[in-house]
Amino acid sequence: FAGVLGEFGLPEGQFVPALIGFNIGVELGQLAVIAACFA
Protein backbone atom coordinates (compact mmCIF):
# COMPACT_ATOMS: atom_id res chain seq x y z
CA PHE A 1 0.00 0.00 0.00
CA ALA A 2 2.86 2.38 0.81
CA GLY A 3 4.28 1.83 -2.67
CA VAL A 4 0.97 2.79 -4.24
CA LEU A 5 0.65 5.85 -2.00
CA GLY A 6 4.17 6.86 -3.01
CA GLU A 7 3.15 6.78 -6.67
CA PHE A 8 0.27 9.17 -5.99
CA GLY A 9 2.40 11.41 -3.83
CA LEU A 10 1.37 13.18 -0.65
CA PRO A 11 0.29 16.85 -0.73
CA GLU A 12 2.78 19.28 0.72
CA GLY A 13 1.82 20.06 4.30
CA GLN A 14 -1.10 17.59 4.29
CA PHE A 15 0.71 14.34 5.01
CA VAL A 16 -1.38 13.20 7.98
CA PRO A 17 -4.91 13.67 6.54
CA ALA A 18 -3.80 12.11 3.24
CA LEU A 19 -2.31 9.08 4.99
CA ILE A 20 -5.30 8.59 7.27
CA GLY A 21 -7.75 9.08 4.40
CA PHE A 22 -5.92 6.56 2.22
CA ASN A 23 -5.90 4.00 5.03
CA ILE A 24 -9.62 4.46 5.69
CA GLY A 25 -10.28 4.09 1.97
CA VAL A 26 -8.38 0.81 2.00
CA GLU A 27 -10.46 -0.39 4.96
CA LEU A 28 -13.72 0.56 3.27
CA GLY A 29 -12.59 -1.34 0.18
CA GLN A 30 -11.85 -4.43 2.25
CA LEU A 31 -15.19 -4.20 4.01
CA ALA A 32 -16.89 -3.88 0.63
CA VAL A 33 -15.21 -7.13 -0.46
CA ILE A 34 -16.33 -8.89 2.73
CA ALA A 35 -19.87 -7.55 2.32
CA ALA A 36 -19.98 -8.85 -1.25
CA CYS A 37 -18.73 -12.26 -0.12
CA PHE A 38 -21.34 -12.41 2.62
CA ALA A 39 -24.11 -11.41 0.22
Full PDB file with SEQRES, HELIX, SHEET, SSBOND, CRYST1, ORIGX, SCALE, CONECT and MASTER records, all heavy atoms in Angstrom:
SEQRES   1 A   39  PHE ALA GLY VAL LEU GLY GLU PHE GLY LEU PRO GLU GLY          
SEQRES   2 A   39  GLN PHE VAL PRO ALA LEU ILE GLY PHE ASN ILE GLY VAL          
SEQRES   3 A   39  GLU LEU GLY GLN LEU ALA VAL ILE ALA ALA CYS PHE ALA          
HELIX    1 AA1 ALA A    2  PHE A    8  1                                   7    
HELIX    2 AA2 PHE A   15  PHE A   38  1                                  24    
CRYST1    1.000    1.000    1.000  90.00  90.00  90.00 P 1           1          
ORIGX1      1.000000  0.000000  0.000000        0.00000                         
ORIGX2      0.000000  1.000000  0.000000        0.00000                         
ORIGX3      0.000000  0.000000  1.000000        0.00000                         
SCALE1      1.000000  0.000000  0.000000        0.00000                         
SCALE2      0.000000  1.000000  0.000000        0.00000                         
SCALE3      0.000000  0.000000  1.000000        0.00000                         
ATOM      1  N   PHE A   1       0.834  -1.202   0.000  1.00  0.00           N  
ATOM      2  CA  PHE A   1       0.000   0.000   0.000  1.00  0.00           C  
ATOM      3  C   PHE A   1       0.870   1.254   0.000  1.00  0.00           C  
ATOM      4  O   PHE A   1       0.551   2.248  -0.662  1.00  0.00           O  
ATOM      5  CB  PHE A   1      -0.907   0.018   1.238  1.00  0.00           C  
ATOM      6  CG  PHE A   1      -1.936  -1.081   1.283  1.00  0.00           C  
ATOM      7  CD1 PHE A   1      -2.296  -1.670   2.484  1.00  0.00           C  
ATOM      8  CD2 PHE A   1      -2.539  -1.529   0.118  1.00  0.00           C  
ATOM      9  CE1 PHE A   1      -3.238  -2.671   2.535  1.00  0.00           C  
ATOM     10  CE2 PHE A   1      -3.489  -2.536   0.158  1.00  0.00           C  
ATOM     11  CZ  PHE A   1      -3.838  -3.111   1.362  1.00  0.00           C  
ATOM     12  N   ALA A   2       1.973   1.224   0.749  1.00  0.00           N  
ATOM     13  CA  ALA A   2       2.862   2.381   0.813  1.00  0.00           C  
ATOM     14  C   ALA A   2       3.457   2.681  -0.550  1.00  0.00           C  
ATOM     15  O   ALA A   2       3.640   3.845  -0.919  1.00  0.00           O  
ATOM     16  CB  ALA A   2       3.971   2.137   1.838  1.00  0.00           C  
ATOM     17  N   GLY A   3       3.757   1.622  -1.322  1.00  0.00           N  
ATOM     18  CA  GLY A   3       4.275   1.829  -2.666  1.00  0.00           C  
ATOM     19  C   GLY A   3       3.278   2.536  -3.554  1.00  0.00           C  
ATOM     20  O   GLY A   3       3.627   3.443  -4.322  1.00  0.00           O  
ATOM     21  N   VAL A   4       2.024   2.140  -3.448  1.00  0.00           N  
ATOM     22  CA  VAL A   4       0.970   2.789  -4.239  1.00  0.00           C  
ATOM     23  C   VAL A   4       0.807   4.244  -3.814  1.00  0.00           C  
ATOM     24  O   VAL A   4       0.704   5.147  -4.646  1.00  0.00           O  
ATOM     25  CB  VAL A   4      -0.371   2.037  -4.072  1.00  0.00           C  
ATOM     26  CG1 VAL A   4      -1.507   2.804  -4.728  1.00  0.00           C  
ATOM     27  CG2 VAL A   4      -0.266   0.645  -4.680  1.00  0.00           C  
ATOM     28  N   LEU A   5       0.792   4.480  -2.496  1.00  0.00           N  
ATOM     29  CA  LEU A   5       0.648   5.851  -2.000  1.00  0.00           C  
ATOM     30  C   LEU A   5       1.819   6.712  -2.454  1.00  0.00           C  
ATOM     31  O   LEU A   5       1.651   7.893  -2.771  1.00  0.00           O  
ATOM     32  CB  LEU A   5       0.543   5.842  -0.480  1.00  0.00           C  
ATOM     33  CG  LEU A   5       0.181   7.173   0.186  1.00  0.00           C  
ATOM     34  CD1 LEU A   5      -1.135   7.715  -0.353  1.00  0.00           C  
ATOM     35  CD2 LEU A   5       0.102   7.003   1.701  1.00  0.00           C  
ATOM     36  N   GLY A   6       3.012   6.119  -2.525  1.00  0.00           N  
ATOM     37  CA  GLY A   6       4.167   6.857  -3.005  1.00  0.00           C  
ATOM     38  C   GLY A   6       4.023   7.278  -4.453  1.00  0.00           C  
ATOM     39  O   GLY A   6       4.486   8.348  -4.859  1.00  0.00           O  
ATOM     40  N   GLU A   7       3.370   6.434  -5.268  1.00  0.00           N  
ATOM     41  CA  GLU A   7       3.148   6.783  -6.667  1.00  0.00           C  
ATOM     42  C   GLU A   7       2.217   7.986  -6.793  1.00  0.00           C  
ATOM     43  O   GLU A   7       2.394   8.845  -7.662  1.00  0.00           O  
ATOM     44  CB  GLU A   7       2.548   5.592  -7.414  1.00  0.00           C  
ATOM     45  CG  GLU A   7       3.502   4.398  -7.536  1.00  0.00           C  
ATOM     46  CD  GLU A   7       2.813   3.179  -8.107  1.00  0.00           C  
ATOM     47  OE1 GLU A   7       1.643   3.317  -8.534  1.00  0.00           O  
ATOM     48  OE2 GLU A   7       3.424   2.099  -8.150  1.00  0.00           O  
ATOM     49  N   PHE A   8       1.210   8.061  -5.935  1.00  0.00           N  
ATOM     50  CA  PHE A   8       0.274   9.169  -5.990  1.00  0.00           C  
ATOM     51  C   PHE A   8       0.881  10.440  -5.391  1.00  0.00           C  
ATOM     52  O   PHE A   8       0.519  11.547  -5.777  1.00  0.00           O  
ATOM     53  CB  PHE A   8      -1.009   8.813  -5.237  1.00  0.00           C  
ATOM     54  CG  PHE A   8      -1.924   7.930  -6.010  1.00  0.00           C  
ATOM     55  CD1 PHE A   8      -1.760   6.559  -6.011  1.00  0.00           C  
ATOM     56  CD2 PHE A   8      -2.943   8.462  -6.764  1.00  0.00           C  
ATOM     57  CE1 PHE A   8      -2.596   5.735  -6.729  1.00  0.00           C  
ATOM     58  CE2 PHE A   8      -3.795   7.649  -7.489  1.00  0.00           C  
ATOM     59  CZ  PHE A   8      -3.620   6.276  -7.470  1.00  0.00           C  
ATOM     60  N   GLY A   9       1.795  10.249  -4.479  1.00  0.00           N  
ATOM     61  CA  GLY A   9       2.398  11.409  -3.831  1.00  0.00           C  
ATOM     62  C   GLY A   9       1.490  11.945  -2.733  1.00  0.00           C  
ATOM     63  O   GLY A   9       0.276  11.761  -2.754  1.00  0.00           O  
ATOM     64  N   LEU A  10       2.107  12.591  -1.759  1.00  0.00           N  
ATOM     65  CA  LEU A  10       1.369  13.180  -0.651  1.00  0.00           C  
ATOM     66  C   LEU A  10       1.432  14.700  -0.755  1.00  0.00           C  
ATOM     67  O   LEU A  10       2.508  15.259  -0.989  1.00  0.00           O  
ATOM     68  CB  LEU A  10       1.959  12.717   0.684  1.00  0.00           C  
ATOM     69  CG  LEU A  10       1.706  11.243   1.018  1.00  0.00           C  
ATOM     70  CD1 LEU A  10       2.597  10.813   2.168  1.00  0.00           C  
ATOM     71  CD2 LEU A  10       0.253  11.016   1.355  1.00  0.00           C  
ATOM     72  N   PRO A  11       0.302  15.385  -0.605  1.00  0.00           N  
ATOM     73  CA  PRO A  11       0.292  16.845  -0.734  1.00  0.00           C  
ATOM     74  C   PRO A  11       1.217  17.501   0.276  1.00  0.00           C  
ATOM     75  O   PRO A  11       1.306  17.073   1.428  1.00  0.00           O  
ATOM     76  CB  PRO A  11      -1.177  17.215  -0.454  1.00  0.00           C  
ATOM     77  CG  PRO A  11      -1.949  15.962  -0.644  1.00  0.00           C  
ATOM     78  CD  PRO A  11      -1.030  14.837  -0.288  1.00  0.00           C  
ATOM     79  N   GLU A  12       1.891  18.532  -0.163  1.00  0.00           N  
ATOM     80  CA  GLU A  12       2.785  19.275   0.718  1.00  0.00           C  
ATOM     81  C   GLU A  12       2.004  19.846   1.904  1.00  0.00           C  
ATOM     82  O   GLU A  12       0.991  20.517   1.741  1.00  0.00           O  
ATOM     83  CB  GLU A  12       3.440  20.418  -0.062  1.00  0.00           C  
ATOM     84  CG  GLU A  12       4.532  21.136   0.683  1.00  0.00           C  
ATOM     85  CD  GLU A  12       5.808  20.341   0.758  1.00  0.00           C  
ATOM     86  OE1 GLU A  12       5.998  19.448  -0.105  1.00  0.00           O  
ATOM     87  OE2 GLU A  12       6.599  20.589   1.675  1.00  0.00           O  
ATOM     88  N   GLY A  13       2.454  19.526   3.100  1.00  0.00           N  
ATOM     89  CA  GLY A  13       1.822  20.059   4.301  1.00  0.00           C  
ATOM     90  C   GLY A  13       0.547  19.353   4.713  1.00  0.00           C  
ATOM     91  O   GLY A  13      -0.082  19.756   5.691  1.00  0.00           O  
ATOM     92  N   GLN A  14       0.144  18.296   3.972  1.00  0.00           N  
ATOM     93  CA  GLN A  14      -1.096  17.591   4.293  1.00  0.00           C  
ATOM     94  C   GLN A  14      -0.837  16.094   4.402  1.00  0.00           C  
ATOM     95  O   GLN A  14      -1.658  15.272   4.003  1.00  0.00           O  
ATOM     96  CB  GLN A  14      -2.156  17.867   3.218  1.00  0.00           C  
ATOM     97  CG  GLN A  14      -2.576  19.315   3.095  1.00  0.00           C  
ATOM     98  CD  GLN A  14      -3.548  19.731   4.194  1.00  0.00           C  
ATOM     99  OE1 GLN A  14      -3.678  19.051   5.200  1.00  0.00           O  
ATOM    100  NE2 GLN A  14      -4.233  20.840   4.004  1.00  0.00           N  
ATOM    101  N   PHE A  15       0.312  15.741   4.945  1.00  0.00           N  
ATOM    102  CA  PHE A  15       0.713  14.338   5.011  1.00  0.00           C  
ATOM    103  C   PHE A  15      -0.259  13.511   5.846  1.00  0.00           C  
ATOM    104  O   PHE A  15      -0.713  12.442   5.424  1.00  0.00           O  
ATOM    105  CB  PHE A  15       2.132  14.234   5.585  1.00  0.00           C  
ATOM    106  CG  PHE A  15       2.617  12.830   5.777  1.00  0.00           C  
ATOM    107  CD1 PHE A  15       3.236  12.158   4.749  1.00  0.00           C  
ATOM    108  CD2 PHE A  15       2.452  12.173   6.992  1.00  0.00           C  
ATOM    109  CE1 PHE A  15       3.690  10.854   4.920  1.00  0.00           C  
ATOM    110  CE2 PHE A  15       2.888  10.874   7.173  1.00  0.00           C  
ATOM    111  CZ  PHE A  15       3.513  10.216   6.136  1.00  0.00           C  
ATOM    112  N   VAL A  16      -0.574  13.991   7.043  1.00  0.00           N  
ATOM    113  CA  VAL A  16      -1.375  13.201   7.977  1.00  0.00           C  
ATOM    114  C   VAL A  16      -2.790  12.942   7.455  1.00  0.00           C  
ATOM    115  O   VAL A  16      -3.237  11.788   7.428  1.00  0.00           O  
ATOM    116  CB  VAL A  16      -1.407  13.869   9.366  1.00  0.00           C  
ATOM    117  CG1 VAL A  16      -2.387  13.138  10.285  1.00  0.00           C  
ATOM    118  CG2 VAL A  16      -0.008  13.866   9.977  1.00  0.00           C  
ATOM    119  N   PRO A  17      -3.563  13.979   7.037  1.00  0.00           N  
ATOM    120  CA  PRO A  17      -4.912  13.674   6.542  1.00  0.00           C  
ATOM    121  C   PRO A  17      -4.895  12.796   5.287  1.00  0.00           C  
ATOM    122  O   PRO A  17      -5.803  11.964   5.106  1.00  0.00           O  
ATOM    123  CB  PRO A  17      -5.515  15.047   6.245  1.00  0.00           C  
ATOM    124  CG  PRO A  17      -4.372  15.986   6.166  1.00  0.00           C  
ATOM    125  CD  PRO A  17      -3.323  15.430   7.073  1.00  0.00           C  
ATOM    126  N   ALA A  18      -3.878  12.955   4.430  1.00  0.00           N  
ATOM    127  CA  ALA A  18      -3.796  12.108   3.235  1.00  0.00           C  
ATOM    128  C   ALA A  18      -3.545  10.660   3.632  1.00  0.00           C  
ATOM    129  O   ALA A  18      -4.177   9.736   3.101  1.00  0.00           O  
ATOM    130  CB  ALA A  18      -2.699  12.608   2.303  1.00  0.00           C  
ATOM    131  N   LEU A  19      -2.633  10.441   4.556  1.00  0.00           N  
ATOM    132  CA  LEU A  19      -2.308   9.083   4.994  1.00  0.00           C  
ATOM    133  C   LEU A  19      -3.494   8.419   5.677  1.00  0.00           C  
ATOM    134  O   LEU A  19      -3.829   7.260   5.387  1.00  0.00           O  
ATOM    135  CB  LEU A  19      -1.109   9.133   5.942  1.00  0.00           C  
ATOM    136  CG  LEU A  19      -0.599   7.791   6.463  1.00  0.00           C  
ATOM    137  CD1 LEU A  19      -0.087   6.943   5.320  1.00  0.00           C  
ATOM    138  CD2 LEU A  19       0.500   8.004   7.506  1.00  0.00           C  
ATOM    139  N   ILE A  20      -4.145   9.152   6.570  1.00  0.00           N  
ATOM    140  CA  ILE A  20      -5.304   8.589   7.269  1.00  0.00           C  
ATOM    141  C   ILE A  20      -6.445   8.318   6.294  1.00  0.00           C  
ATOM    142  O   ILE A  20      -7.094   7.269   6.340  1.00  0.00           O  
ATOM    143  CB  ILE A  20      -5.771   9.538   8.393  1.00  0.00           C  
ATOM    144  CG1 ILE A  20      -4.681   9.653   9.467  1.00  0.00           C  
ATOM    145  CG2 ILE A  20      -7.077   9.045   9.012  1.00  0.00           C  
ATOM    146  CD1 ILE A  20      -5.000  10.662  10.549  1.00  0.00           C  
ATOM    147  N   GLY A  21      -6.693   9.271   5.383  1.00  0.00           N  
ATOM    148  CA  GLY A  21      -7.754   9.078   4.397  1.00  0.00           C  
ATOM    149  C   GLY A  21      -7.494   7.869   3.520  1.00  0.00           C  
ATOM    150  O   GLY A  21      -8.405   7.069   3.251  1.00  0.00           O  
ATOM    151  N   PHE A  22      -6.256   7.716   3.055  1.00  0.00           N  
ATOM    152  CA  PHE A  22      -5.915   6.565   2.224  1.00  0.00           C  
ATOM    153  C   PHE A  22      -6.160   5.263   2.978  1.00  0.00           C  
ATOM    154  O   PHE A  22      -6.726   4.307   2.443  1.00  0.00           O  
ATOM    155  CB  PHE A  22      -4.457   6.666   1.782  1.00  0.00           C  
ATOM    156  CG  PHE A  22      -4.002   5.553   0.885  1.00  0.00           C  
ATOM    157  CD1 PHE A  22      -4.198   5.618  -0.489  1.00  0.00           C  
ATOM    158  CD2 PHE A  22      -3.367   4.432   1.413  1.00  0.00           C  
ATOM    159  CE1 PHE A  22      -3.771   4.601  -1.316  1.00  0.00           C  
ATOM    160  CE2 PHE A  22      -2.938   3.403   0.585  1.00  0.00           C  
ATOM    161  CZ  PHE A  22      -3.145   3.492  -0.783  1.00  0.00           C  
ATOM    162  N   ASN A  23      -5.741   5.220   4.234  1.00  0.00           N  
ATOM    163  CA  ASN A  23      -5.904   4.001   5.030  1.00  0.00           C  
ATOM    164  C   ASN A  23      -7.373   3.679   5.252  1.00  0.00           C  
ATOM    165  O   ASN A  23      -7.793   2.516   5.165  1.00  0.00           O  
ATOM    166  CB  ASN A  23      -5.193   4.161   6.372  1.00  0.00           C  
ATOM    167  CG  ASN A  23      -4.921   2.830   7.033  1.00  0.00           C  
ATOM    168  OD1 ASN A  23      -4.322   1.946   6.449  1.00  0.00           O  
ATOM    169  ND2 ASN A  23      -5.387   2.688   8.269  1.00  0.00           N  
ATOM    170  N   ILE A  24      -8.177   4.697   5.526  1.00  0.00           N  
ATOM    171  CA  ILE A  24      -9.619   4.462   5.692  1.00  0.00           C  
ATOM    172  C   ILE A  24     -10.231   3.971   4.383  1.00  0.00           C  
ATOM    173  O   ILE A  24     -11.082   3.077   4.372  1.00  0.00           O  
ATOM    174  CB  ILE A  24     -10.309   5.751   6.179  1.00  0.00           C  
ATOM    175  CG1 ILE A  24      -9.900   6.055   7.630  1.00  0.00           C  
ATOM    176  CG2 ILE A  24     -11.822   5.636   6.058  1.00  0.00           C  
ATOM    177  CD1 ILE A  24     -10.464   7.347   8.164  1.00  0.00           C  
ATOM    178  N   GLY A  25      -9.789   4.552   3.258  1.00  0.00           N  
ATOM    179  CA  GLY A  25     -10.284   4.089   1.971  1.00  0.00           C  
ATOM    180  C   GLY A  25      -9.972   2.627   1.734  1.00  0.00           C  
ATOM    181  O   GLY A  25     -10.808   1.859   1.226  1.00  0.00           O  
ATOM    182  N   VAL A  26      -8.759   2.220   2.121  1.00  0.00           N  
ATOM    183  CA  VAL A  26      -8.383   0.807   1.998  1.00  0.00           C  
ATOM    184  C   VAL A  26      -9.314  -0.059   2.840  1.00  0.00           C  
ATOM    185  O   VAL A  26      -9.789  -1.113   2.404  1.00  0.00           O  
ATOM    186  CB  VAL A  26      -6.910   0.618   2.423  1.00  0.00           C  
ATOM    187  CG1 VAL A  26      -6.592  -0.869   2.611  1.00  0.00           C  
ATOM    188  CG2 VAL A  26      -5.984   1.213   1.372  1.00  0.00           C  
ATOM    189  N   GLU A  27      -9.580   0.381   4.079  1.00  0.00           N  
ATOM    190  CA  GLU A  27     -10.461  -0.393   4.955  1.00  0.00           C  
ATOM    191  C   GLU A  27     -11.868  -0.507   4.385  1.00  0.00           C  
ATOM    192  O   GLU A  27     -12.492  -1.568   4.434  1.00  0.00           O  
ATOM    193  CB  GLU A  27     -10.518   0.256   6.340  1.00  0.00           C  
ATOM    194  CG  GLU A  27      -9.203   0.282   7.072  1.00  0.00           C  
ATOM    195  CD  GLU A  27      -8.454  -1.033   6.943  1.00  0.00           C  
ATOM    196  OE1 GLU A  27      -9.044  -2.082   7.242  1.00  0.00           O  
ATOM    197  OE2 GLU A  27      -7.296  -1.012   6.506  1.00  0.00           O  
ATOM    198  N   LEU A  28     -12.375   0.601   3.867  1.00  0.00           N  
ATOM    199  CA  LEU A  28     -13.719   0.556   3.274  1.00  0.00           C  
ATOM    200  C   LEU A  28     -13.746  -0.388   2.083  1.00  0.00           C  
ATOM    201  O   LEU A  28     -14.738  -1.106   1.864  1.00  0.00           O  
ATOM    202  CB  LEU A  28     -14.143   1.965   2.848  1.00  0.00           C  
ATOM    203  CG  LEU A  28     -14.387   2.962   3.992  1.00  0.00           C  
ATOM    204  CD1 LEU A  28     -14.716   4.342   3.430  1.00  0.00           C  
ATOM    205  CD2 LEU A  28     -15.523   2.474   4.893  1.00  0.00           C  
ATOM    206  N   GLY A  29     -12.667  -0.403   1.302  1.00  0.00           N  
ATOM    207  CA  GLY A  29     -12.590  -1.336   0.177  1.00  0.00           C  
ATOM    208  C   GLY A  29     -12.609  -2.775   0.649  1.00  0.00           C  
ATOM    209  O   GLY A  29     -13.300  -3.629   0.075  1.00  0.00           O  
ATOM    210  N   GLN A  30     -11.851  -3.068   1.715  1.00  0.00           N  
ATOM    211  CA  GLN A  30     -11.845  -4.430   2.253  1.00  0.00           C  
ATOM    212  C   GLN A  30     -13.209  -4.828   2.797  1.00  0.00           C  
ATOM    213  O   GLN A  30     -13.672  -5.957   2.590  1.00  0.00           O  
ATOM    214  CB  GLN A  30     -10.789  -4.526   3.359  1.00  0.00           C  
ATOM    215  CG  GLN A  30      -9.369  -4.412   2.826  1.00  0.00           C  
ATOM    216  CD  GLN A  30      -8.317  -4.344   3.920  1.00  0.00           C  
ATOM    217  OE1 GLN A  30      -7.142  -4.387   3.647  1.00  0.00           O  
ATOM    218  NE2 GLN A  30      -8.736  -4.224   5.167  1.00  0.00           N  
ATOM    219  N   LEU A  31     -13.857  -3.901   3.484  1.00  0.00           N  
ATOM    220  CA  LEU A  31     -15.195  -4.205   4.012  1.00  0.00           C  
ATOM    221  C   LEU A  31     -16.188  -4.410   2.884  1.00  0.00           C  
ATOM    222  O   LEU A  31     -17.112  -5.237   2.994  1.00  0.00           O  
ATOM    223  CB  LEU A  31     -15.655  -3.068   4.932  1.00  0.00           C  
ATOM    224  CG  LEU A  31     -14.898  -2.933   6.257  1.00  0.00           C  
ATOM    225  CD1 LEU A  31     -15.369  -1.699   7.023  1.00  0.00           C  
ATOM    226  CD2 LEU A  31     -15.067  -4.188   7.105  1.00  0.00           C  
ATOM    227  N   ALA A  32     -16.011  -3.680   1.782  1.00  0.00           N  
ATOM    228  CA  ALA A  32     -16.892  -3.880   0.629  1.00  0.00           C  
ATOM    229  C   ALA A  32     -16.717  -5.282   0.054  1.00  0.00           C  
ATOM    230  O   ALA A  32     -17.692  -5.933  -0.350  1.00  0.00           O  
ATOM    231  CB  ALA A  32     -16.600  -2.823  -0.442  1.00  0.00           C  
ATOM    232  N   VAL A  33     -15.472  -5.769   0.021  1.00  0.00           N  
ATOM    233  CA  VAL A  33     -15.207  -7.130  -0.461  1.00  0.00           C  
ATOM    234  C   VAL A  33     -15.867  -8.149   0.460  1.00  0.00           C  
ATOM    235  O   VAL A  33     -16.520  -9.100   0.000  1.00  0.00           O  
ATOM    236  CB  VAL A  33     -13.697  -7.386  -0.558  1.00  0.00           C  
ATOM    237  CG1 VAL A  33     -13.415  -8.849  -0.892  1.00  0.00           C  
ATOM    238  CG2 VAL A  33     -13.073  -6.485  -1.622  1.00  0.00           C  
ATOM    239  N   ILE A  34     -15.726  -7.958   1.777  1.00  0.00           N  
ATOM    240  CA  ILE A  34     -16.330  -8.892   2.730  1.00  0.00           C  
ATOM    241  C   ILE A  34     -17.846  -8.865   2.621  1.00  0.00           C  
ATOM    242  O   ILE A  34     -18.516  -9.912   2.656  1.00  0.00           O  
ATOM    243  CB  ILE A  34     -15.882  -8.532   4.160  1.00  0.00           C  
ATOM    244  CG1 ILE A  34     -14.387  -8.850   4.322  1.00  0.00           C  
ATOM    245  CG2 ILE A  34     -16.706  -9.293   5.197  1.00  0.00           C  
ATOM    246  CD1 ILE A  34     -13.805  -8.401   5.641  1.00  0.00           C  
ATOM    247  N   ALA A  35     -18.415  -7.668   2.472  1.00  0.00           N  
ATOM    248  CA  ALA A  35     -19.872  -7.555   2.325  1.00  0.00           C  
ATOM    249  C   ALA A  35     -20.349  -8.275   1.076  1.00  0.00           C  
ATOM    250  O   ALA A  35     -21.392  -8.962   1.094  1.00  0.00           O  
ATOM    251  CB  ALA A  35     -20.276  -6.078   2.275  1.00  0.00           C  
ATOM    252  N   ALA A  36     -19.603  -8.155  -0.011  1.00  0.00           N  
ATOM    253  CA  ALA A  36     -19.985  -8.846  -1.253  1.00  0.00           C  
ATOM    254  C   ALA A  36     -19.907 -10.359  -1.070  1.00  0.00           C  
ATOM    255  O   ALA A  36     -20.787 -11.097  -1.535  1.00  0.00           O  
ATOM    256  CB  ALA A  36     -19.083  -8.392  -2.397  1.00  0.00           C  
ATOM    257  N   CYS A  37     -18.849 -10.822  -0.381  1.00  0.00           N  
ATOM    258  CA  CYS A  37     -18.727 -12.260  -0.118  1.00  0.00           C  
ATOM    259  C   CYS A  37     -19.893 -12.765   0.725  1.00  0.00           C  
ATOM    260  O   CYS A  37     -20.468 -13.830   0.448  1.00  0.00           O  
ATOM    261  CB  CYS A  37     -17.406 -12.551   0.598  1.00  0.00           C  
ATOM    262  SG  CYS A  37     -15.937 -12.331  -0.415  1.00  0.00           S  
ATOM    263  N   PHE A  38     -20.235 -11.993   1.749  1.00  0.00           N  
ATOM    264  CA  PHE A  38     -21.336 -12.408   2.623  1.00  0.00           C  
ATOM    265  C   PHE A  38     -22.658 -12.445   1.854  1.00  0.00           C  
ATOM    266  O   PHE A  38     -23.459 -13.378   2.022  1.00  0.00           O  
ATOM    267  CB  PHE A  38     -21.443 -11.457   3.810  1.00  0.00           C  
ATOM    268  CG  PHE A  38     -22.499 -11.858   4.798  1.00  0.00           C  
ATOM    269  CD1 PHE A  38     -22.256 -12.883   5.703  1.00  0.00           C  
ATOM    270  CD2 PHE A  38     -23.728 -11.219   4.816  1.00  0.00           C  
ATOM    271  CE1 PHE A  38     -23.244 -13.262   6.607  1.00  0.00           C  
ATOM    272  CE2 PHE A  38     -24.719 -11.591   5.713  1.00  0.00           C  
ATOM    273  CZ  PHE A  38     -24.471 -12.618   6.617  1.00  0.00           C  
ATOM    274  N   ALA A  39     -22.868 -11.442   0.996  1.00  0.00           N  
ATOM    275  CA  ALA A  39     -24.114 -11.408   0.216  1.00  0.00           C  
ATOM    276  C   ALA A  39     -24.233 -12.619  -0.703  1.00  0.00           C  
ATOM    277  O   ALA A  39     -25.332 -13.126  -0.952  1.00  0.00           O  
ATOM    278  CB  ALA A  39     -24.171 -10.110  -0.596  1.00  0.00           C  
TER     279      ALA A  39                                                      
MASTER        0    0    0    2    0    0    0    6  278    1    0    3          
END                                                                             
